[in-house]
Amino acid sequence: MSRIESASSAGATDAAGLPARPFFGKPFLWLLFALVLLAMPLIGYMLQSSMRWDEVHPAVNAILNGASTVFLVAGYWAIHRRNIDFHKRCMVAAFVTSSLFLASYLTRFALSGTHRYPGDGLDKIFYLGILFSHMVLAAVSVPMILRSLFLGWRVRYADHAKIARITWPIWMYVSVTGVVVYLMLYPIAGALYGE
């Protein structure tokens, strides 16, 4: 007998005393489902269009950064509403998507090297400012993220909360600026400089 069948046959109820709903009562699954519904058609379109893999791959990386941002926001929202289970799932998902991004980015870098910003004006200065702050904070955030996850996993919530107050905004900044760097380097620079 599956877990769903045993829960429904045992008369399982949720916090409000209503019958448990296996999928519909799971906000994390809905969030994951929504992200897949957004990402898959976009990636499929890019692969079927005239875009080369070296153009699609950075977009996939930006999607991973964007997904991490969504999970970070949802995890923040969950913990402030004392929904610890949803918070845990979101933060682990943010870690997984960030890790997938890092592996994918390092692979792209190893295969094709750096992609330089084509402009020379104030937009390049703005881009480099965002890029360097993104890179420095990304390096700083890795041990903080690992420590935060470790403390949460070990149920050391007081210590976890102390470091998470510092880690979360840095991680959030890195995730958001990862998407901004992609947008500036590819579609915006392409529109401005015809690259």
C-alpha atoms as a PDB file:
ATOM      1  CA  MET A   1       0.000   0.000   0.000  1.00  0.00           C
ATOM      2  CA  SER A   2       1.432   3.404  -0.934  1.00  0.00           C
ATOM      3  CA  ARG A   3       1.902   6.220   1.559  1.00  0.00           C
ATOM      4  CA  ILE A   4      -0.944   8.154  -0.066  1.00  0.00           C
ATOM      5  CA  GLU A   5      -3.311   5.217   0.155  1.00  0.00           C
ATOM      6  CA  SER A   6      -2.380   4.493   3.767  1.00  0.00           C
ATOM      7  CA  ALA A   7      -2.832   8.156   4.726  1.00  0.00           C
ATOM      8  CA  SER A   8      -6.268   8.364   3.133  1.00  0.00           C
ATOM      9  CA  SER A   9      -7.392   4.993   4.520  1.00  0.00           C
ATOM     10  CA  ALA A  10      -6.252   5.991   8.011  1.00  0.00           C
ATOM     11  CA  GLY A  11      -8.368   9.135   7.817  1.00  0.00           C
ATOM     12  CA  ALA A  12      -5.375  11.495   7.902  1.00  0.00           C
ATOM     13  CA  THR A  13      -6.221  15.145   8.333  1.00  0.00           C
ATOM     14  CA  ASP A  14      -4.326  18.400   7.969  1.00  0.00           C
ATOM     15  CA  ALA A  15      -3.860  21.092  10.642  1.00  0.00           C
ATOM     16  CA  ALA A  16      -7.391  22.415  10.046  1.00  0.00           C
ATOM     17  CA  GLY A  17      -8.915  18.965  10.534  1.00  0.00           C
ATOM     18  CA  LEU A  18      -9.738  18.605   6.838  1.00  0.00           C
ATOM     19  CA  PRO A  19      -8.906  15.397   4.947  1.00  0.00           C
ATOM     20  CA  ALA A  20      -5.271  15.404   3.826  1.00  0.00           C
ATOM     21  CA  ARG A  21      -4.748  16.231   0.167  1.00  0.00           C
ATOM     22  CA  PRO A  22      -1.600  14.538  -1.145  1.00  0.00           C
ATOM     23  CA  PHE A  23      -0.566  16.981  -3.899  1.00  0.00           C
ATOM     24  CA  PHE A  24      -2.868  19.964  -3.548  1.00  0.00           C
ATOM     25  CA  GLY A  25      -1.851  20.554   0.052  1.00  0.00           C
ATOM     26  CA  LYS A  26       1.867  20.614  -0.765  1.00  0.00           C
ATOM     27  CA  PRO A  27       2.999  24.176  -1.577  1.00  0.00           C
ATOM     28  CA  PHE A  28       6.557  23.053  -2.368  1.00  0.00           C
ATOM     29  CA  LEU A  29       5.321  20.700  -5.095  1.00  0.00           C
ATOM     30  CA  TRP A  30       3.209  23.495  -6.585  1.00  0.00           C
ATOM     31  CA  LEU A  31       6.201  25.824  -6.563  1.00  0.00           C
ATOM     32  CA  LEU A  32       8.379  23.201  -8.235  1.00  0.00           C
ATOM     33  CA  PHE A  33       5.633  22.452 -10.752  1.00  0.00           C
ATOM     34  CA  ALA A  34       5.283  26.161 -11.625  1.00  0.00           C
ATOM     35  CA  LEU A  35       9.024  26.547 -12.149  1.00  0.00           C
ATOM     36  CA  VAL A  36       9.129  23.513 -14.436  1.00  0.00           C
ATOM     37  CA  LEU A  37       6.143  24.843 -16.396  1.00  0.00           C
ATOM     38  CA  LEU A  38       7.992  28.126 -16.905  1.00  0.00           C
ATOM     39  CA  ALA A  39      11.460  26.771 -17.628  1.00  0.00           C
ATOM     40  CA  MET A  40      10.811  23.798 -19.890  1.00  0.00           C
ATOM     41  CA  PRO A  41       8.982  25.611 -22.710  1.00  0.00           C
ATOM     42  CA  LEU A  42      11.572  28.386 -22.605  1.00  0.00           C
ATOM     43  CA  ILE A  43      14.465  25.953 -22.870  1.00  0.00           C
ATOM     44  CA  GLY A  44      12.612  23.975 -25.554  1.00  0.00           C
ATOM     45  CA  TYR A  45      12.025  27.134 -27.578  1.00  0.00           C
ATOM     46  CA  MET A  46      15.678  28.106 -27.348  1.00  0.00           C
ATOM     47  CA  LEU A  47      16.823  24.659 -28.457  1.00  0.00           C
ATOM     48  CA  GLN A  48      14.434  24.610 -31.433  1.00  0.00           C
ATOM     49  CA  SER A  49      15.233  28.159 -32.508  1.00  0.00           C
ATOM     50  CA  SER A  50      18.342  29.167 -34.355  1.00  0.00           C
ATOM     51  CA  MET A  51      20.223  29.687 -31.073  1.00  0.00           C
ATOM     52  CA  ARG A  52      23.501  27.836 -30.782  1.00  0.00           C
ATOM     53  CA  TRP A  53      24.341  25.872 -27.617  1.00  0.00           C
ATOM     54  CA  ASP A  54      26.808  28.585 -26.538  1.00  0.00           C
ATOM     55  CA  GLU A  55      23.834  30.993 -26.520  1.00  0.00           C
ATOM     56  CA  VAL A  56      21.389  28.568 -24.866  1.00  0.00           C
ATOM     57  CA  HIS A  57      23.741  27.444 -22.108  1.00  0.00           C
ATOM     58  CA  PRO A  58      24.081  30.895 -20.440  1.00  0.00           C
ATOM     59  CA  ALA A  59      20.274  31.241 -20.569  1.00  0.00           C
ATOM     60  CA  VAL A  60      19.913  27.886 -18.808  1.00  0.00           C
ATOM     61  CA  ASN A  61      22.340  29.164 -16.164  1.00  0.00           C
ATOM     62  CA  ALA A  62      20.212  32.291 -15.724  1.00  0.00           C
ATOM     63  CA  ILE A  63      17.100  30.110 -15.337  1.00  0.00           C
ATOM     64  CA  LEU A  64      18.883  28.150 -12.590  1.00  0.00           C
ATOM     65  CA  ASN A  65      19.808  31.418 -10.842  1.00  0.00           C
ATOM     66  CA  GLY A  66      16.229  32.638 -11.220  1.00  0.00           C
ATOM     67  CA  ALA A  67      14.878  29.387  -9.772  1.00  0.00           C
ATOM     68  CA  SER A  68      17.246  29.732  -6.827  1.00  0.00           C
ATOM     69  CA  THR A  69      15.902  33.258  -6.271  1.00  0.00           C
ATOM     70  CA  VAL A  70      12.323  31.978  -6.262  1.00  0.00           C
ATOM     71  CA  PHE A  71      13.200  29.254  -3.750  1.00  0.00           C
ATOM     72  CA  LEU A  72      15.026  31.766  -1.539  1.00  0.00           C
ATOM     73  CA  VAL A  73      12.028  34.120  -1.487  1.00  0.00           C
ATOM     74  CA  ALA A  74       9.632  31.247  -0.788  1.00  0.00           C
ATOM     75  CA  GLY A  75      11.912  29.936   1.983  1.00  0.00           C
ATOM     76  CA  TYR A  76      12.078  33.395   3.573  1.00  0.00           C
ATOM     77  CA  TRP A  77       8.313  33.722   3.374  1.00  0.00           C
ATOM     78  CA  ALA A  78       7.855  30.236   4.861  1.00  0.00           C
ATOM     79  CA  ILE A  79      10.102  30.740   7.885  1.00  0.00           C
ATOM     80  CA  HIS A  80       8.420  34.037   8.721  1.00  0.00           C
ATOM     81  CA  ARG A  81       5.118  32.156   8.791  1.00  0.00           C
ATOM     82  CA  ARG A  82       6.674  29.391  10.917  1.00  0.00           C
ATOM     83  CA  ASN A  83       6.245  26.798   8.172  1.00  0.00           C
ATOM     84  CA  ILE A  84       9.507  25.003   8.911  1.00  0.00           C
ATOM     85  CA  ASP A  85       8.942  22.036   6.601  1.00  0.00           C
ATOM     86  CA  PHE A  86       8.264  24.278   3.577  1.00  0.00           C
ATOM     87  CA  HIS A  87      11.246  26.458   4.560  1.00  0.00           C
ATOM     88  CA  LYS A  88      13.571  23.445   4.672  1.00  0.00           C
ATOM     89  CA  ARG A  89      12.417  22.196   1.289  1.00  0.00           C
ATOM     90  CA  CYS A  90      12.800  25.605  -0.314  1.00  0.00           C
ATOM     91  CA  MET A  91      16.268  26.197   1.094  1.00  0.00           C
ATOM     92  CA  VAL A  92      17.498  22.758   0.027  1.00  0.00           C
ATOM     93  CA  ALA A  93      16.008  23.401  -3.434  1.00  0.00           C
ATOM     94  CA  ALA A  94      17.774  26.798  -3.554  1.00  0.00           C
ATOM     95  CA  PHE A  95      21.030  25.046  -2.659  1.00  0.00           C
ATOM     96  CA  VAL A  96      20.489  22.377  -5.317  1.00  0.00           C
ATOM     97  CA  THR A  97      19.660  24.900  -8.056  1.00  0.00           C
ATOM     98  CA  SER A  98      22.619  27.089  -7.035  1.00  0.00           C
ATOM     99  CA  SER A  99      24.893  24.024  -7.096  1.00  0.00           C
ATOM    100  CA  LEU A 100      23.575  23.006 -10.517  1.00  0.00           C
ATOM    101  CA  PHE A 101      24.212  26.554 -11.712  1.00  0.00           C
ATOM    102  CA  LEU A 102      27.786  26.487 -10.405  1.00  0.00           C
ATOM    103  CA  ALA A 103      28.531  23.133 -12.056  1.00  0.00           C
ATOM    104  CA  SER A 104      26.940  24.298 -15.317  1.00  0.00           C
ATOM    105  CA  TYR A 105      28.753  27.648 -15.232  1.00  0.00           C
ATOM    106  CA  LEU A 106      32.139  26.036 -14.594  1.00  0.00           C
ATOM    107  CA  THR A 107      31.480  23.610 -17.463  1.00  0.00           C
ATOM    108  CA  ARG A 108      30.587  26.482 -19.807  1.00  0.00           C
ATOM    109  CA  PHE A 109      33.647  28.437 -18.693  1.00  0.00           C
ATOM    110  CA  ALA A 110      35.917  25.417 -19.254  1.00  0.00           C
ATOM    111  CA  LEU A 111      34.461  24.864 -22.739  1.00  0.00           C
ATOM    112  CA  SER A 112      34.216  28.423 -24.051  1.00  0.00           C
ATOM    113  CA  GLY A 113      36.125  30.740 -21.693  1.00  0.00           C
ATOM    114  CA  THR A 114      35.003  34.219 -20.742  1.00  0.00           C
ATOM    115  CA  HIS A 115      32.523  36.307 -22.653  1.00  0.00           C
ATOM    116  CA  ARG A 116      33.581  39.949 -22.597  1.00  0.00           C
ATOM    117  CA  TYR A 117      31.136  42.822 -22.421  1.00  0.00           C
ATOM    118  CA  PRO A 118      31.251  44.560 -25.824  1.00  0.00           C
ATOM    119  CA  GLY A 119      30.618  48.172 -24.774  1.00  0.00           C
ATOM    120  CA  ASP A 120      33.007  50.819 -23.453  1.00  0.00           C
ATOM    121  CA  GLY A 121      30.736  53.425 -21.884  1.00  0.00           C
ATOM    122  CA  LEU A 122      28.999  53.874 -18.549  1.00  0.00           C
ATOM    123  CA  ASP A 123      27.032  50.704 -19.184  1.00  0.00           C
ATOM    124  CA  LYS A 124      30.279  48.698 -19.076  1.00  0.00           C
ATOM    125  CA  ILE A 125      31.279  50.324 -15.773  1.00  0.00           C
ATOM    126  CA  PHE A 126      27.828  49.503 -14.370  1.00  0.00           C
ATOM    127  CA  TYR A 127      28.089  45.931 -15.695  1.00  0.00           C
ATOM    128  CA  LEU A 128      31.565  45.403 -14.231  1.00  0.00           C
ATOM    129  CA  GLY A 129      30.442  46.794 -10.861  1.00  0.00           C
ATOM    130  CA  ILE A 130      27.598  44.299 -10.714  1.00  0.00           C
ATOM    131  CA  LEU A 131      29.789  41.466 -12.029  1.00  0.00           C
ATOM    132  CA  PHE A 132      32.618  42.002  -9.516  1.00  0.00           C
ATOM    133  CA  SER A 133      30.269  42.383  -6.543  1.00  0.00           C
ATOM    134  CA  HIS A 134      28.457  39.236  -7.723  1.00  0.00           C
ATOM    135  CA  MET A 135      31.708  37.265  -7.991  1.00  0.00           C
ATOM    136  CA  VAL A 136      33.131  38.382  -4.616  1.00  0.00           C
ATOM    137  CA  LEU A 137      29.879  37.767  -2.740  1.00  0.00           C
ATOM    138  CA  ALA A 138      29.385  34.416  -4.495  1.00  0.00           C
ATOM    139  CA  ALA A 139      32.784  33.265  -3.194  1.00  0.00           C
ATOM    140  CA  VAL A 140      32.042  34.627   0.299  1.00  0.00           C
ATOM    141  CA  SER A 141      28.581  33.059   0.395  1.00  0.00           C
ATOM    142  CA  VAL A 142      29.610  29.426  -0.225  1.00  0.00           C
ATOM    143  CA  PRO A 143      30.946  28.649   3.278  1.00  0.00           C
ATOM    144  CA  MET A 144      28.128  30.684   4.841  1.00  0.00           C
ATOM    145  CA  ILE A 145      25.487  28.745   2.915  1.00  0.00           C
ATOM    146  CA  LEU A 146      27.072  25.422   3.821  1.00  0.00           C
ATOM    147  CA  ARG A 147      27.262  26.431   7.494  1.00  0.00           C
ATOM    148  CA  SER A 148      23.644  27.637   7.509  1.00  0.00           C
ATOM    149  CA  LEU A 149      22.439  24.380   5.972  1.00  0.00           C
ATOM    150  CA  PHE A 150      24.554  22.325   8.385  1.00  0.00           C
ATOM    151  CA  LEU A 151      23.197  24.136  11.456  1.00  0.00           C
ATOM    152  CA  GLY A 152      19.614  23.811  10.234  1.00  0.00           C
ATOM    153  CA  TRP A 153      20.144  20.123   9.455  1.00  0.00           C
ATOM    154  CA  ARG A 154      21.556  19.557  12.963  1.00  0.00           C
ATOM    155  CA  VAL A 155      18.518  21.333  14.486  1.00  0.00           C
ATOM    156  CA  ARG A 156      20.711  24.042  15.988  1.00  0.00           C
ATOM    157  CA  TYR A 157      18.084  26.649  15.176  1.00  0.00           C
ATOM    158  CA  ALA A 158      19.434  29.523  17.304  1.00  0.00           C
ATOM    159  CA  ASP A 159      22.879  29.298  15.640  1.00  0.00           C
ATOM    160  CA  HIS A 160      21.239  28.711  12.264  1.00  0.00           C
ATOM    161  CA  ALA A 161      19.098  31.842  12.626  1.00  0.00           C
ATOM    162  CA  LYS A 162      22.129  33.996  13.534  1.00  0.00           C
ATOM    163  CA  ILE A 163      24.120  33.083  10.428  1.00  0.00           C
ATOM    164  CA  ALA A 164      21.071  32.877   8.150  1.00  0.00           C
ATOM    165  CA  ARG A 165      20.282  36.549   8.847  1.00  0.00           C
ATOM    166  CA  ILE A 166      23.595  37.389   7.167  1.00  0.00           C
ATOM    167  CA  THR A 167      23.694  34.558   4.628  1.00  0.00           C
ATOM    168  CA  TRP A 168      20.219  34.991   3.124  1.00  0.00           C
ATOM    169  CA  PRO A 169      20.616  38.582   1.828  1.00  0.00           C
ATOM    170  CA  ILE A 170      24.041  37.781   0.374  1.00  0.00           C
ATOM    171  CA  TRP A 171      22.758  34.616  -1.294  1.00  0.00           C
ATOM    172  CA  MET A 172      19.731  36.513  -2.573  1.00  0.00           C
ATOM    173  CA  TYR A 173      21.938  39.272  -4.019  1.00  0.00           C
ATOM    174  CA  VAL A 174      24.158  36.696  -5.743  1.00  0.00           C
ATOM    175  CA  SER A 175      21.154  34.895  -7.258  1.00  0.00           C
ATOM    176  CA  VAL A 176      19.486  38.086  -8.508  1.00  0.00           C
ATOM    177  CA  THR A 177      22.691  39.612  -9.859  1.00  0.00           C
ATOM    178  CA  GLY A 178      23.450  36.342 -11.640  1.00  0.00           C
ATOM    179  CA  VAL A 179      20.320  36.920 -13.729  1.00  0.00           C
ATOM    180  CA  VAL A 180      21.152  40.632 -14.148  1.00  0.00           C
ATOM    181  CA  VAL A 181      24.678  39.801 -15.375  1.00  0.00           C
ATOM    182  CA  TYR A 182      23.198  37.380 -17.934  1.00  0.00           C
ATOM    183  CA  LEU A 183      20.653  39.960 -19.131  1.00  0.00           C
ATOM    184  CA  MET A 184      23.282  42.690 -19.448  1.00  0.00           C
ATOM    185  CA  LEU A 185      25.882  40.484 -21.140  1.00  0.00           C
ATOM    186  CA  TYR A 186      23.617  38.763 -23.655  1.00  0.00           C
ATOM    187  CA  PRO A 187      20.244  40.298 -24.611  1.00  0.00           C
ATOM    188  CA  ILE A 188      20.943  43.912 -23.575  1.00  0.00           C
ATOM    189  CA  ALA A 189      24.491  44.046 -24.953  1.00  0.00           C
ATOM    190  CA  GLY A 190      23.253  42.288 -28.073  1.00  0.00           C
ATOM    191  CA  ALA A 191      20.567  44.930 -28.572  1.00  0.00           C
ATOM    192  CA  LEU A 192      22.950  47.823 -27.867  1.00  0.00           C
ATOM    193  CA  TYR A 193      25.967  46.603 -29.805  1.00  0.00           C
ATOM    194  CA  GLY A 194      24.552  44.092 -32.282  1.00  0.00           C
ATOM    195  CA  GLU A 195      26.439  41.142 -30.800  1.00  0.00           C
END
